[in-house]
N, C-alpha and C. Protein backbone atom coordinates (compact mmCIF):
# COMPACT_ATOMS: atom_id res chain seq x y z
N HIS A 1 92.27 97.12 112.88
CA HIS A 1 91.23 97.28 111.88
C HIS A 1 91.52 96.48 110.60
N MET A 2 92.75 96.09 110.45
CA MET A 2 93.12 95.41 109.21
C MET A 2 92.40 94.07 109.06
N SER A 3 92.15 93.38 110.17
CA SER A 3 91.46 92.10 110.07
C SER A 3 90.03 92.27 109.59
N PHE A 4 89.40 93.38 109.94
CA PHE A 4 88.05 93.67 109.46
C PHE A 4 88.05 93.76 107.94
N PHE A 5 88.95 94.56 107.40
CA PHE A 5 89.01 94.73 105.95
C PHE A 5 89.41 93.43 105.26
N ALA A 6 90.37 92.73 105.85
CA ALA A 6 90.84 91.48 105.26
C ALA A 6 89.75 90.42 105.21
N SER A 7 88.78 90.51 106.10
CA SER A 7 87.71 89.50 106.13
C SER A 7 86.63 89.75 105.08
N LYS A 8 86.68 90.88 104.42
CA LYS A 8 85.66 91.22 103.42
C LYS A 8 86.02 90.65 102.05
N ALA A 9 84.99 90.36 101.26
CA ALA A 9 85.21 89.82 99.91
C ALA A 9 85.99 90.82 99.06
N SER A 10 85.71 92.10 99.25
CA SER A 10 86.42 93.14 98.51
C SER A 10 86.86 94.24 99.49
N PRO A 11 88.01 94.06 100.12
CA PRO A 11 88.49 95.07 101.07
C PRO A 11 88.62 96.45 100.43
N THR A 12 89.04 96.49 99.19
CA THR A 12 89.20 97.76 98.50
C THR A 12 87.87 98.48 98.39
N SER A 13 86.83 97.77 98.04
CA SER A 13 85.51 98.37 97.91
C SER A 13 85.02 98.93 99.24
N VAL A 14 85.26 98.20 100.32
CA VAL A 14 84.85 98.67 101.65
C VAL A 14 85.60 99.96 102.00
N ILE A 15 86.88 99.98 101.74
CA ILE A 15 87.68 101.17 102.05
C ILE A 15 87.19 102.36 101.24
N LEU A 16 86.95 102.16 99.96
CA LEU A 16 86.47 103.26 99.13
C LEU A 16 85.10 103.75 99.58
N ASP A 17 84.22 102.84 99.95
CA ASP A 17 82.90 103.23 100.45
C ASP A 17 83.02 104.04 101.73
N LEU A 18 83.87 103.60 102.65
CA LEU A 18 84.06 104.33 103.90
C LEU A 18 84.68 105.70 103.65
N TRP A 19 85.64 105.73 102.75
CA TRP A 19 86.31 106.99 102.41
C TRP A 19 85.30 107.98 101.84
N GLU A 20 84.47 107.53 100.92
CA GLU A 20 83.46 108.39 100.32
C GLU A 20 82.46 108.87 101.37
N ALA A 21 82.06 107.99 102.28
CA ALA A 21 81.08 108.35 103.32
C ALA A 21 81.61 109.42 104.27
N GLN A 22 82.90 109.50 104.42
CA GLN A 22 83.50 110.49 105.32
C GLN A 22 83.58 111.88 104.69
N HIS A 23 83.29 111.99 103.41
CA HIS A 23 83.31 113.29 102.70
C HIS A 23 84.65 114.01 102.87
N PHE A 24 85.70 113.35 102.47
CA PHE A 24 87.02 113.96 102.56
C PHE A 24 87.17 115.01 101.45
N HIS A 25 86.75 116.23 101.77
CA HIS A 25 86.80 117.31 100.78
C HIS A 25 88.22 117.80 100.54
N SER A 26 89.11 117.46 101.44
CA SER A 26 90.48 117.94 101.28
C SER A 26 91.17 117.30 100.09
N GLY A 27 90.63 116.18 99.63
CA GLY A 27 91.22 115.52 98.47
C GLY A 27 92.57 114.89 98.77
N ASN A 28 92.82 114.55 100.02
CA ASN A 28 94.11 113.98 100.40
C ASN A 28 94.18 112.52 99.98
N LEU A 29 94.53 112.30 98.74
CA LEU A 29 94.61 110.94 98.21
C LEU A 29 95.82 110.19 98.72
N ASN A 30 96.79 110.91 99.26
CA ASN A 30 97.96 110.22 99.81
C ASN A 30 97.58 109.34 100.99
N GLN A 31 96.62 109.80 101.82
CA GLN A 31 96.16 108.98 102.94
C GLN A 31 95.47 107.73 102.42
N LEU A 32 94.62 107.89 101.42
CA LEU A 32 93.93 106.74 100.85
C LEU A 32 94.93 105.79 100.21
N ALA A 33 95.90 106.32 99.52
CA ALA A 33 96.92 105.48 98.89
C ALA A 33 97.69 104.68 99.94
N ALA A 34 97.96 105.29 101.09
CA ALA A 34 98.67 104.60 102.16
C ALA A 34 97.85 103.43 102.70
N VAL A 35 96.54 103.64 102.86
CA VAL A 35 95.67 102.56 103.32
C VAL A 35 95.64 101.43 102.30
N MET A 36 95.54 101.78 101.04
CA MET A 36 95.50 100.77 99.98
C MET A 36 96.80 99.97 99.97
N ALA A 37 97.92 100.64 100.11
CA ALA A 37 99.21 99.95 100.11
C ALA A 37 99.33 99.03 101.31
N GLU A 38 98.78 99.46 102.44
CA GLU A 38 98.87 98.67 103.66
C GLU A 38 98.15 97.33 103.53
N ILE A 39 97.08 97.28 102.73
CA ILE A 39 96.37 96.01 102.55
C ILE A 39 96.83 95.29 101.29
N GLY A 40 97.90 95.78 100.68
CA GLY A 40 98.47 95.07 99.55
C GLY A 40 97.93 95.48 98.20
N LYS A 41 97.32 96.63 98.12
CA LYS A 41 96.78 97.12 96.85
C LYS A 41 97.72 98.18 96.28
N GLN A 42 98.96 97.81 96.10
CA GLN A 42 99.97 98.77 95.66
C GLN A 42 99.69 99.31 94.27
N GLU A 43 99.03 98.52 93.41
CA GLU A 43 98.72 99.04 92.08
C GLU A 43 97.76 100.21 92.17
N ALA A 44 96.86 100.20 93.14
CA ALA A 44 95.94 101.32 93.33
C ALA A 44 96.70 102.53 93.86
N MET A 45 97.67 102.29 94.74
CA MET A 45 98.46 103.37 95.27
C MET A 45 99.22 104.08 94.16
N ILE A 46 99.80 103.33 93.27
CA ILE A 46 100.54 103.92 92.16
C ILE A 46 99.62 104.77 91.30
N PHE A 47 98.41 104.27 91.03
CA PHE A 47 97.45 105.02 90.23
C PHE A 47 97.08 106.32 90.92
N LEU A 48 96.78 106.26 92.22
CA LEU A 48 96.36 107.45 92.94
C LEU A 48 97.46 108.49 93.01
N VAL A 49 98.67 108.06 93.27
CA VAL A 49 99.78 108.99 93.38
C VAL A 49 100.08 109.62 92.03
N SER A 50 100.03 108.86 90.96
CA SER A 50 100.37 109.40 89.65
C SER A 50 99.22 110.17 89.02
N ASP A 51 97.99 110.01 89.55
CA ASP A 51 96.83 110.68 88.97
C ASP A 51 96.85 112.17 89.26
N GLY A 52 97.44 112.57 90.37
CA GLY A 52 97.40 113.97 90.78
C GLY A 52 98.43 114.76 90.10
């Protein structure tokens, strides 16, 4: 799936849109942070982890 996200102009935006569409009520931001880190968005991961 990584190639799909990597092919987008804004992979982060696509991930956030998909995450929101799934209605993750559990608020598990650690999973989202892991996805962000996997595509090289470590600054977002740091923000998410420290926000909670």
